[in-house]
Amino acid sequence: MAAVTKNVIVMALYFSINYINGSLVHTFFRHEIFSENPRYVLFIHMVINDMIQLTIAMVMHVTSYIFYTINVSLCCFLLMIAVFTTLNMPLNLASMAVERYIAICNPLRHVQICTVRRTYIIIGLIWLMGAIPILPDLFYLLATQPMQFFNSRIICGRDTLFYDPYLIEKKNISHMVYLSFVWLILVYTYFRVTFAARAAGSDARKARNTILLHGVQLLLCIFTYIGPLLEGLLVLRFPAFALDLKFMNYIFVHILPRFISPIVYGLRDQMFHKYLKRHLLCNVQKGGIQGKIQPF
């Protein structure tokens, strides 16, 4: 019964967050004013990335309760997408911070530097950099394992699939490099924008606060990397609560960070909030009209 309750909670959170994110995506593509702004292009990429990551995390969580083990080939596919989207998140935050830094500290050249075309190139580079750490692991697995291995079943997890100590060490090093790189960018842009805010108006202060929220999001992203380690330590200390600890780790690692993006932009950004509110009000009004004309 506890497993059913946990899966119901996961599904409810999944549909709630993805409904909000879906509304943001719909608002973005419906109004051309957003698609012409690099800031919003990067934002909507982060939202779509969150939706993909949340979907993969939900599928892996539910299947672990229902089937316990899954086909190795399917596990490879799910893990590849999960790793791509997980590494995309901090890189996207760094790109958004740099865009805000240029807008505040070099406003006269912002239009020439931050174009929509270059933004899509940056997004392509983000996906490429997200793929670099995991693709060698897949090639190593293909080279060292027989084909029968990919038809077998396994408890799906990165460390259970890519269990070689060399691959685990490489993963830990790549995570530290990525996070250190993003932290340096966020700290540098935050202080530069902070100094600019002393002499500028409210726009600089808003940009500073936005970069600070990027830092909060990055802190939540760190749970993705340290979550399994903390979970393992807590399970050793409290083995009777292993399933509950796994569930709490899932909520903090995969659900909570996905909940931050709609709050940071969908509600804080005045322009996006205005169009999003209009979209939601239209949906409510349509629902009310359809309810009135329903036959008895």
C-alpha atoms as a PDB file:
ATOM      1  CA  MET A   1       0.000   0.000   0.000  1.00  0.00           C
ATOM      2  CA  ALA A   2       2.877   2.375   0.799  1.00  0.00           C
ATOM      3  CA  ALA A   3       4.357   1.791  -2.678  1.00  0.00           C
ATOM      4  CA  VAL A   4       1.022   2.643  -4.309  1.00  0.00           C
ATOM      5  CA  THR A   5       0.751   5.840  -2.259  1.00  0.00           C
ATOM      6  CA  LYS A   6       4.273   6.915  -3.207  1.00  0.00           C
ATOM      7  CA  ASN A   7       3.644   6.296  -6.904  1.00  0.00           C
ATOM      8  CA  VAL A   8       0.379   8.251  -6.734  1.00  0.00           C
ATOM      9  CA  ILE A   9       2.242  11.175  -5.140  1.00  0.00           C
ATOM     10  CA  VAL A  10       4.935  10.989  -7.844  1.00  0.00           C
ATOM     11  CA  MET A  11       2.355  10.909 -10.639  1.00  0.00           C
ATOM     12  CA  ALA A  12       0.400  13.818  -9.117  1.00  0.00           C
ATOM     13  CA  LEU A  13       3.537  15.952  -8.813  1.00  0.00           C
ATOM     14  CA  TYR A  14       4.628  14.946 -12.315  1.00  0.00           C
ATOM     15  CA  PHE A  15       1.352  15.983 -13.972  1.00  0.00           C
ATOM     16  CA  SER A  16       1.088  19.186 -11.898  1.00  0.00           C
ATOM     17  CA  ILE A  17       4.602  20.405 -12.710  1.00  0.00           C
ATOM     18  CA  ASN A  18       4.405  19.401 -16.361  1.00  0.00           C
ATOM     19  CA  TYR A  19       1.015  21.113 -16.699  1.00  0.00           C
ATOM     20  CA  ILE A  20       2.595  24.355 -15.471  1.00  0.00           C
ATOM     21  CA  ASN A  21       5.636  23.876 -17.683  1.00  0.00           C
ATOM     22  CA  GLY A  22       3.398  22.964 -20.626  1.00  0.00           C
ATOM     23  CA  SER A  23       1.528  26.247 -20.118  1.00  0.00           C
ATOM     24  CA  LEU A  24       4.839  28.105 -20.216  1.00  0.00           C
ATOM     25  CA  VAL A  25       5.833  26.351 -23.443  1.00  0.00           C
ATOM     26  CA  HIS A  26       2.426  27.094 -25.002  1.00  0.00           C
ATOM     27  CA  THR A  27       2.696  30.765 -23.997  1.00  0.00           C
ATOM     28  CA  PHE A  28       6.195  31.002 -25.497  1.00  0.00           C
ATOM     29  CA  PHE A  29       5.298  29.541 -28.896  1.00  0.00           C
ATOM     30  CA  ARG A  30       2.014  31.408 -29.147  1.00  0.00           C
ATOM     31  CA  HIS A  31       3.579  34.867 -28.828  1.00  0.00           C
ATOM     32  CA  GLU A  32       6.336  35.869 -31.221  1.00  0.00           C
ATOM     33  CA  ILE A  33       7.693  38.456 -28.783  1.00  0.00           C
ATOM     34  CA  PHE A  34       9.286  35.640 -26.753  1.00  0.00           C
ATOM     35  CA  SER A  35      10.799  33.687 -29.653  1.00  0.00           C
ATOM     36  CA  GLU A  36      12.674  36.833 -30.738  1.00  0.00           C
ATOM     37  CA  ASN A  37      14.314  37.305 -27.339  1.00  0.00           C
ATOM     38  CA  PRO A  38      17.427  35.165 -26.549  1.00  0.00           C
ATOM     39  CA  ARG A  39      16.654  35.318 -22.836  1.00  0.00           C
ATOM     40  CA  TYR A  40      13.292  33.614 -23.287  1.00  0.00           C
ATOM     41  CA  VAL A  41      14.683  31.144 -25.831  1.00  0.00           C
ATOM     42  CA  LEU A  42      17.183  29.935 -23.227  1.00  0.00           C
ATOM     43  CA  PHE A  43      14.451  29.867 -20.610  1.00  0.00           C
ATOM     44  CA  ILE A  44      12.052  27.771 -22.677  1.00  0.00           C
ATOM     45  CA  HIS A  45      14.885  25.397 -23.545  1.00  0.00           C
ATOM     46  CA  MET A  46      15.421  24.902 -19.809  1.00  0.00           C
ATOM     47  CA  VAL A  47      11.684  24.272 -19.299  1.00  0.00           C
ATOM     48  CA  ILE A  48      11.532  21.686 -22.106  1.00  0.00           C
ATOM     49  CA  ASN A  49      14.716  20.095 -20.755  1.00  0.00           C
ATOM     50  CA  ASP A  50      13.063  19.897 -17.317  1.00  0.00           C
ATOM     51  CA  MET A  51       9.967  18.261 -18.802  1.00  0.00           C
ATOM     52  CA  ILE A  52      12.042  15.611 -20.556  1.00  0.00           C
ATOM     53  CA  GLN A  53      14.148  14.934 -17.461  1.00  0.00           C
ATOM     54  CA  LEU A  54      11.099  14.741 -15.207  1.00  0.00           C
ATOM     55  CA  THR A  55       9.386  12.324 -17.607  1.00  0.00           C
ATOM     56  CA  ILE A  56      12.413  10.012 -17.739  1.00  0.00           C
ATOM     57  CA  ALA A  57      12.837  10.170 -13.953  1.00  0.00           C
ATOM     58  CA  MET A  58       9.148   9.352 -13.433  1.00  0.00           C
ATOM     59  CA  VAL A  59       9.263   6.395 -15.834  1.00  0.00           C
ATOM     60  CA  MET A  60      12.382   4.983 -14.167  1.00  0.00           C
ATOM     61  CA  HIS A  61      10.922   5.479 -10.684  1.00  0.00           C
ATOM     62  CA  VAL A  62       7.584   3.831 -11.422  1.00  0.00           C
ATOM     63  CA  THR A  63       9.101   0.920 -13.361  1.00  0.00           C
ATOM     64  CA  SER A  64      11.518   0.266 -10.484  1.00  0.00           C
ATOM     65  CA  TYR A  65       8.502  -0.314  -8.241  1.00  0.00           C
ATOM     66  CA  ILE A  66       6.474  -2.333 -10.761  1.00  0.00           C
ATOM     67  CA  PHE A  67       9.124  -4.450 -12.524  1.00  0.00           C
ATOM     68  CA  TYR A  68      12.192  -3.902 -10.294  1.00  0.00           C
ATOM     69  CA  THR A  69      14.488  -4.823 -13.220  1.00  0.00           C
ATOM     70  CA  ILE A  70      14.229  -3.763 -16.873  1.00  0.00           C
ATOM     71  CA  ASN A  71      15.891  -4.649 -20.174  1.00  0.00           C
ATOM     72  CA  VAL A  72      19.499  -3.409 -20.399  1.00  0.00           C
ATOM     73  CA  SER A  73      18.982  -1.817 -23.836  1.00  0.00           C
ATOM     74  CA  LEU A  74      15.968   0.133 -22.561  1.00  0.00           C
ATOM     75  CA  CYS A  75      17.925   1.117 -19.462  1.00  0.00           C
ATOM     76  CA  CYS A  76      20.753   2.438 -21.692  1.00  0.00           C
ATOM     77  CA  PHE A  77      18.293   4.546 -23.681  1.00  0.00           C
ATOM     78  CA  LEU A  78      16.645   6.021 -20.562  1.00  0.00           C
ATOM     79  CA  LEU A  79      19.968   6.699 -18.839  1.00  0.00           C
ATOM     80  CA  MET A  80      21.444   8.438 -21.881  1.00  0.00           C
ATOM     81  CA  ILE A  81      18.549  10.903 -22.022  1.00  0.00           C
ATOM     82  CA  ALA A  82      18.602  11.321 -18.231  1.00  0.00           C
ATOM     83  CA  VAL A  83      22.327  12.168 -18.235  1.00  0.00           C
ATOM     84  CA  PHE A  84      22.001  14.531 -21.213  1.00  0.00           C
ATOM     85  CA  THR A  85      19.204  16.526 -19.572  1.00  0.00           C
ATOM     86  CA  THR A  86      20.866  16.468 -16.137  1.00  0.00           C
ATOM     87  CA  LEU A  87      24.088  18.001 -17.459  1.00  0.00           C
ATOM     88  CA  ASN A  88      22.165  20.422 -19.681  1.00  0.00           C
ATOM     89  CA  MET A  89      20.583  22.117 -16.669  1.00  0.00           C
ATOM     90  CA  PRO A  90      23.688  23.751 -15.101  1.00  0.00           C
ATOM     91  CA  LEU A  91      25.097  24.637 -18.525  1.00  0.00           C
ATOM     92  CA  ASN A  92      21.823  26.330 -19.441  1.00  0.00           C
ATOM     93  CA  LEU A  93      21.893  28.271 -16.149  1.00  0.00           C
ATOM     94  CA  ALA A  94      25.419  29.465 -16.952  1.00  0.00           C
ATOM     95  CA  SER A  95      24.312  30.605 -20.428  1.00  0.00           C
ATOM     96  CA  MET A  96      21.375  32.526 -18.970  1.00  0.00           C
ATOM     97  CA  ALA A  97      23.638  34.211 -16.416  1.00  0.00           C
ATOM     98  CA  VAL A  98      26.068  35.292 -19.150  1.00  0.00           C
ATOM     99  CA  GLU A  99      23.183  36.702 -21.205  1.00  0.00           C
ATOM    100  CA  ARG A 100      22.016  38.787 -18.213  1.00  0.00           C
ATOM    101  CA  TYR A 101      25.600  39.916 -17.573  1.00  0.00           C
ATOM    102  CA  ILE A 102      25.974  41.153 -21.164  1.00  0.00           C
ATOM    103  CA  ALA A 103      22.561  42.871 -21.044  1.00  0.00           C
ATOM    104  CA  ILE A 104      23.481  44.837 -17.905  1.00  0.00           C
ATOM    105  CA  CYS A 105      27.242  45.372 -18.210  1.00  0.00           C
ATOM    106  CA  ASN A 106      27.451  45.810 -21.991  1.00  0.00           C
ATOM    107  CA  PRO A 107      23.974  46.971 -23.046  1.00  0.00           C
ATOM    108  CA  LEU A 108      25.065  48.764 -26.219  1.00  0.00           C
ATOM    109  CA  ARG A 109      26.413  45.534 -27.728  1.00  0.00           C
ATOM    110  CA  HIS A 110      23.811  43.184 -26.274  1.00  0.00           C
ATOM    111  CA  VAL A 111      21.711  43.128 -29.456  1.00  0.00           C
ATOM    112  CA  GLN A 112      24.738  42.316 -31.627  1.00  0.00           C
ATOM    113  CA  ILE A 113      26.209  39.691 -29.273  1.00  0.00           C
ATOM    114  CA  CYS A 114      23.071  37.920 -28.054  1.00  0.00           C
ATOM    115  CA  THR A 115      21.169  37.087 -31.222  1.00  0.00           C
ATOM    116  CA  VAL A 116      18.535  34.371 -31.547  1.00  0.00           C
ATOM    117  CA  ARG A 117      20.700  32.489 -34.071  1.00  0.00           C
ATOM    118  CA  ARG A 118      23.663  32.435 -31.690  1.00  0.00           C
ATOM    119  CA  THR A 119      21.348  31.363 -28.882  1.00  0.00           C
ATOM    120  CA  TYR A 120      20.297  28.253 -30.815  1.00  0.00           C
ATOM    121  CA  ILE A 121      23.988  27.541 -31.515  1.00  0.00           C
ATOM    122  CA  ILE A 122      24.625  27.776 -27.760  1.00  0.00           C
ATOM    123  CA  ILE A 123      21.770  25.329 -27.139  1.00  0.00           C
ATOM    124  CA  GLY A 124      23.337  22.904 -29.622  1.00  0.00           C
ATOM    125  CA  LEU A 125      26.673  23.233 -27.808  1.00  0.00           C
ATOM    126  CA  ILE A 126      24.929  22.611 -24.474  1.00  0.00           C
ATOM    127  CA  TRP A 127      23.577  19.286 -25.768  1.00  0.00           C
ATOM    128  CA  LEU A 128      26.978  18.406 -27.210  1.00  0.00           C
ATOM    129  CA  MET A 129      28.730  19.107 -23.904  1.00  0.00           C
ATOM    130  CA  GLY A 130      26.037  17.150 -22.080  1.00  0.00           C
ATOM    131  CA  ALA A 131      26.703  14.146 -24.323  1.00  0.00           C
ATOM    132  CA  ILE A 132      30.517  14.161 -24.032  1.00  0.00           C
ATOM    133  CA  PRO A 133      30.769  12.628 -20.518  1.00  0.00           C
ATOM    134  CA  ILE A 134      28.367   9.693 -21.143  1.00  0.00           C
ATOM    135  CA  LEU A 135      29.059   8.667 -24.764  1.00  0.00           C
ATOM    136  CA  PRO A 136      32.507   7.143 -23.987  1.00  0.00           C
ATOM    137  CA  ASP A 137      30.804   5.043 -21.276  1.00  0.00           C
ATOM    138  CA  LEU A 138      28.363   3.661 -23.832  1.00  0.00           C
ATOM    139  CA  PHE A 139      31.129   2.896 -26.343  1.00  0.00           C
ATOM    140  CA  TYR A 140      33.121   1.165 -23.578  1.00  0.00           C
ATOM    141  CA  LEU A 141      30.084  -0.939 -22.705  1.00  0.00           C
ATOM    142  CA  LEU A 142      29.512  -1.894 -26.350  1.00  0.00           C
ATOM    143  CA  ALA A 143      33.166  -2.882 -26.733  1.00  0.00           C
ATOM    144  CA  THR A 144      33.471  -4.956 -23.558  1.00  0.00           C
ATOM    145  CA  GLN A 145      30.080  -6.656 -23.153  1.00  0.00           C
ATOM    146  CA  PRO A 146      28.607  -9.471 -25.291  1.00  0.00           C
ATOM    147  CA  MET A 147      25.341  -8.900 -27.133  1.00  0.00           C
ATOM    148  CA  GLN A 148      23.534 -11.228 -24.700  1.00  0.00           C
ATOM    149  CA  PHE A 149      24.176  -8.668 -21.966  1.00  0.00           C
ATOM    150  CA  PHE A 150      21.975  -6.097 -23.740  1.00  0.00           C
ATOM    151  CA  ASN A 151      19.083  -8.592 -23.824  1.00  0.00           C
ATOM    152  CA  SER A 152      19.333  -9.317 -20.090  1.00  0.00           C
ATOM    153  CA  ARG A 153      17.600  -7.459 -17.249  1.00  0.00           C
ATOM    154  CA  ILE A 154      19.138  -5.132 -14.678  1.00  0.00           C
ATOM    155  CA  ILE A 155      18.258  -2.744 -11.859  1.00  0.00           C
ATOM    156  CA  CYS A 156      18.431   0.433 -13.908  1.00  0.00           C
ATOM    157  CA  GLY A 157      20.956   2.913 -12.567  1.00  0.00           C
ATOM    158  CA  ARG A 158      24.096   4.546 -13.922  1.00  0.00           C
ATOM    159  CA  ASP A 159      26.427   2.884 -11.427  1.00  0.00           C
ATOM    160  CA  THR A 160      24.782  -0.527 -11.898  1.00  0.00           C
ATOM    161  CA  LEU A 161      24.999  -0.328 -15.696  1.00  0.00           C
ATOM    162  CA  PHE A 162      28.390   1.397 -16.002  1.00  0.00           C
ATOM    163  CA  TYR A 163      29.848  -0.387 -12.997  1.00  0.00           C
ATOM    164  CA  ASP A 164      33.509  -0.339 -14.000  1.00  0.00           C
ATOM    165  CA  PRO A 165      35.511   1.594 -11.328  1.00  0.00           C
ATOM    166  CA  TYR A 166      37.233   3.605 -14.073  1.00  0.00           C
ATOM    167  CA  LEU A 167      33.882   4.780 -15.451  1.00  0.00           C
ATOM    168  CA  ILE A 168      32.591   5.685 -11.986  1.00  0.00           C
ATOM    169  CA  GLU A 169      35.714   7.716 -11.258  1.00  0.00           C
ATOM    170  CA  LYS A 170      35.493   9.439 -14.644  1.00  0.00           C
ATOM    171  CA  LYS A 171      31.853  10.306 -13.919  1.00  0.00           C
ATOM    172  CA  ASN A 172      32.728  11.879 -10.557  1.00  0.00           C
ATOM    173  CA  ILE A 173      35.562  13.930 -12.063  1.00  0.00           C
ATOM    174  CA  SER A 174      33.430  15.166 -14.978  1.00  0.00           C
ATOM    175  CA  HIS A 175      30.677  16.223 -12.559  1.00  0.00           C
ATOM    176  CA  MET A 176      33.144  18.211 -10.455  1.00  0.00           C
ATOM    177  CA  VAL A 177      34.564  19.909 -13.558  1.00  0.00           C
ATOM    178  CA  TYR A 178      31.117  20.831 -14.899  1.00  0.00           C
ATOM    179  CA  LEU A 179      29.834  22.174 -11.590  1.00  0.00           C
ATOM    180  CA  SER A 180      33.033  24.116 -10.864  1.00  0.00           C
ATOM    181  CA  PHE A 181      32.877  25.694 -14.324  1.00  0.00           C
ATOM    182  CA  VAL A 182      29.252  26.759 -13.837  1.00  0.00           C
ATOM    183  CA  TRP A 183      29.895  28.052 -10.299  1.00  0.00           C
ATOM    184  CA  LEU A 184      32.744  30.225 -11.549  1.00  0.00           C
ATOM    185  CA  ILE A 185      30.503  31.729 -14.230  1.00  0.00           C
ATOM    186  CA  LEU A 186      27.645  32.388 -11.781  1.00  0.00           C
ATOM    187  CA  VAL A 187      29.918  33.957  -9.159  1.00  0.00           C
ATOM    188  CA  TYR A 188      31.714  36.138 -11.724  1.00  0.00           C
ATOM    189  CA  THR A 189      28.501  37.355 -13.396  1.00  0.00           C
ATOM    190  CA  TYR A 190      26.776  37.917 -10.035  1.00  0.00           C
ATOM    191  CA  PHE A 191      29.490  40.216  -8.684  1.00  0.00           C
ATOM    192  CA  ARG A 192      29.900  42.079 -11.967  1.00  0.00           C
ATOM    193  CA  VAL A 193      26.155  42.696 -12.140  1.00  0.00           C
ATOM    194  CA  THR A 194      26.122  43.633  -8.427  1.00  0.00           C
ATOM    195  CA  PHE A 195      28.729  46.341  -9.016  1.00  0.00           C
ATOM    196  CA  ALA A 196      26.727  47.561 -12.009  1.00  0.00           C
ATOM    197  CA  ALA A 197      23.543  47.624  -9.905  1.00  0.00           C
ATOM    198  CA  ARG A 198      25.038  50.228  -7.563  1.00  0.00           C
ATOM    199  CA  ALA A 199      25.192  52.734 -10.375  1.00  0.00           C
ATOM    200  CA  ALA A 200      22.247  51.531 -12.446  1.00  0.00           C
ATOM    201  CA  GLY A 201      18.519  51.202 -11.924  1.00  0.00           C
ATOM    202  CA  SER A 202      16.096  48.438 -11.070  1.00  0.00           C
ATOM    203  CA  ASP A 203      16.931  46.350 -14.174  1.00  0.00           C
ATOM    204  CA  ALA A 204      20.435  45.641 -12.873  1.00  0.00           C
ATOM    205  CA  ARG A 205      19.093  44.715  -9.445  1.00  0.00           C
ATOM    206  CA  LYS A 206      16.556  42.351 -11.026  1.00  0.00           C
ATOM    207  CA  ALA A 207      19.318  40.746 -13.091  1.00  0.00           C
ATOM    208  CA  ARG A 208      21.419  40.323  -9.934  1.00  0.00           C
ATOM    209  CA  ASN A 209      18.515  38.650  -8.140  1.00  0.00           C
ATOM    210  CA  THR A 210      17.872  36.405 -11.138  1.00  0.00           C
ATOM    211  CA  ILE A 211      21.500  35.241 -11.176  1.00  0.00           C
ATOM    212  CA  LEU A 212      21.237  34.614  -7.431  1.00  0.00           C
ATOM    213  CA  LEU A 213      18.220  32.404  -8.107  1.00  0.00           C
ATOM    214  CA  HIS A 214      20.287  30.603 -10.745  1.00  0.00           C
ATOM    215  CA  GLY A 215      22.682  29.820  -7.918  1.00  0.00           C
ATOM    216  CA  VAL A 216      19.821  28.401  -5.853  1.00  0.00           C
ATOM    217  CA  GLN A 217      18.813  26.234  -8.812  1.00  0.00           C
ATOM    218  CA  LEU A 218      22.403  25.063  -9.176  1.00  0.00           C
ATOM    219  CA  LEU A 219      22.486  24.120  -5.491  1.00  0.00           C
ATOM    220  CA  LEU A 220      19.414  21.975  -6.118  1.00  0.00           C
ATOM    221  CA  CYS A 221      21.141  20.488  -9.178  1.00  0.00           C
ATOM    222  CA  ILE A 222      24.013  19.409  -6.929  1.00  0.00           C
ATOM    223  CA  PHE A 223      21.564  17.063  -5.192  1.00  0.00           C
ATOM    224  CA  THR A 224      21.543  15.098  -8.457  1.00  0.00           C
ATOM    225  CA  TYR A 225      25.230  14.323  -7.977  1.00  0.00           C
ATOM    226  CA  ILE A 226      25.449  13.933  -4.193  1.00  0.00           C
ATOM    227  CA  GLY A 227      21.960  12.451  -3.713  1.00  0.00           C
ATOM    228  CA  PRO A 228      22.959   8.817  -4.381  1.00  0.00           C
ATOM    229  CA  LEU A 229      25.942   9.156  -2.016  1.00  0.00           C
ATOM    230  CA  LEU A 230      23.803  10.619   0.777  1.00  0.00           C
ATOM    231  CA  GLU A 231      21.141   8.001   0.171  1.00  0.00           C
ATOM    232  CA  GLY A 232      23.718   5.207   0.469  1.00  0.00           C
ATOM    233  CA  LEU A 233      25.104   6.626   3.716  1.00  0.00           C
ATOM    234  CA  LEU A 234      21.653   7.059   5.233  1.00  0.00           C
ATOM    235  CA  VAL A 235      20.588   3.567   4.196  1.00  0.00           C
ATOM    236  CA  LEU A 236      23.647   2.143   5.969  1.00  0.00           C
ATOM    237  CA  ARG A 237      22.682   4.125   9.089  1.00  0.00           C
ATOM    238  CA  PHE A 238      18.922   3.458   8.903  1.00  0.00           C
ATOM    239  CA  PRO A 239      18.436   0.240   6.888  1.00  0.00           C
ATOM    240  CA  ALA A 240      14.834  -0.157   8.065  1.00  0.00           C
ATOM    241  CA  PHE A 241      13.876   3.052   6.221  1.00  0.00           C
ATOM    242  CA  ALA A 242      15.658   2.233   2.936  1.00  0.00           C
ATOM    243  CA  LEU A 243      12.551   2.566   0.736  1.00  0.00           C
ATOM    244  CA  ASP A 244      11.446   5.806   2.422  1.00  0.00           C
ATOM    245  CA  LEU A 245      14.935   7.284   2.030  1.00  0.00           C
ATOM    246  CA  LYS A 246      14.959   6.331  -1.662  1.00  0.00           C
ATOM    247  CA  PHE A 247      11.607   8.066  -2.126  1.00  0.00           C
ATOM    248  CA  MET A 248      12.723  11.245  -0.325  1.00  0.00           C
ATOM    249  CA  ASN A 249      15.920  11.298  -2.382  1.00  0.00           C
ATOM    250  CA  TYR A 250      13.824  11.070  -5.545  1.00  0.00           C
ATOM    251  CA  ILE A 251      11.640  14.022  -4.465  1.00  0.00           C
ATOM    252  CA  PHE A 252      14.599  16.284  -3.592  1.00  0.00           C
ATOM    253  CA  VAL A 253      16.752  15.281  -6.575  1.00  0.00           C
ATOM    254  CA  HIS A 254      14.245  15.047  -9.437  1.00  0.00           C
ATOM    255  CA  ILE A 255      11.039  16.847  -8.403  1.00  0.00           C
ATOM    256  CA  LEU A 256      12.038  19.915  -6.381  1.00  0.00           C
ATOM    257  CA  PRO A 257      14.539  21.412  -8.898  1.00  0.00           C
ATOM    258  CA  ARG A 258      11.933  21.065 -11.685  1.00  0.00           C
ATOM    259  CA  PHE A 259       9.496  23.095  -9.575  1.00  0.00           C
ATOM    260  CA  ILE A 260      11.800  26.131  -9.351  1.00  0.00           C
ATOM    261  CA  SER A 261      11.863  27.196 -13.022  1.00  0.00           C
ATOM    262  CA  PRO A 262       8.142  28.105 -13.294  1.00  0.00           C
ATOM    263  CA  ILE A 263       8.439  30.181 -10.107  1.00  0.00           C
ATOM    264  CA  VAL A 264      11.596  32.009 -11.179  1.00  0.00           C
ATOM    265  CA  TYR A 265      10.335  32.999 -14.645  1.00  0.00           C
ATOM    266  CA  GLY A 266       6.636  32.205 -14.980  1.00  0.00           C
ATOM    267  CA  LEU A 267       5.748  34.245 -11.886  1.00  0.00           C
ATOM    268  CA  ARG A 268       8.680  36.665 -11.360  1.00  0.00           C
ATOM    269  CA  ASP A 269       9.056  37.872 -14.951  1.00  0.00           C
ATOM    270  CA  GLN A 270       6.408  40.550 -15.489  1.00  0.00           C
ATOM    271  CA  MET A 271       6.056  40.105 -19.238  1.00  0.00           C
ATOM    272  CA  PHE A 272       5.855  36.319 -19.128  1.00  0.00           C
ATOM    273  CA  HIS A 273       3.528  36.476 -16.131  1.00  0.00           C
ATOM    274  CA  LYS A 274       1.161  38.772 -18.027  1.00  0.00           C
ATOM    275  CA  TYR A 275       0.878  36.483 -21.062  1.00  0.00           C
ATOM    276  CA  LEU A 276       0.766  33.327 -18.933  1.00  0.00           C
ATOM    277  CA  LYS A 277      -2.040  34.765 -16.807  1.00  0.00           C
ATOM    278  CA  ARG A 278      -3.955  35.660 -19.972  1.00  0.00           C
ATOM    279  CA  HIS A 279      -3.510  32.091 -21.275  1.00  0.00           C
ATOM    280  CA  LEU A 280      -4.716  30.523 -18.014  1.00  0.00           C
ATOM    281  CA  LEU A 281      -7.715  32.882 -17.784  1.00  0.00           C
ATOM    282  CA  CYS A 282      -8.712  31.968 -21.349  1.00  0.00           C
ATOM    283  CA  ASN A 283      -8.581  28.268 -20.436  1.00  0.00           C
ATOM    284  CA  VAL A 284     -10.748  28.862 -17.366  1.00  0.00           C
ATOM    285  CA  GLN A 285     -13.275  30.872 -19.363  1.00  0.00           C
ATOM    286  CA  LYS A 286     -13.432  28.217 -22.094  1.00  0.00           C
ATOM    287  CA  GLY A 287     -13.938  25.546 -19.465  1.00  0.00           C
ATOM    288  CA  GLY A 288     -16.750  27.548 -17.906  1.00  0.00           C
ATOM    289  CA  ILE A 289     -18.483  28.106 -21.249  1.00  0.00           C
ATOM    290  CA  GLN A 290     -18.231  24.428 -22.198  1.00  0.00           C
ATOM    291  CA  GLY A 291     -19.580  23.474 -18.781  1.00  0.00           C
ATOM    292  CA  LYS A 292     -22.636  25.690 -19.297  1.00  0.00           C
ATOM    293  CA  ILE A 293     -23.532  24.159 -22.661  1.00  0.00           C
ATOM    294  CA  GLN A 294     -23.178  20.567 -21.480  1.00  0.00           C
ATOM    295  CA  PRO A 295     -26.451  18.704 -22.017  1.00  0.00           C
ATOM    296  CA  PHE A 296     -28.188  17.104 -19.017  1.00  0.00           C
END
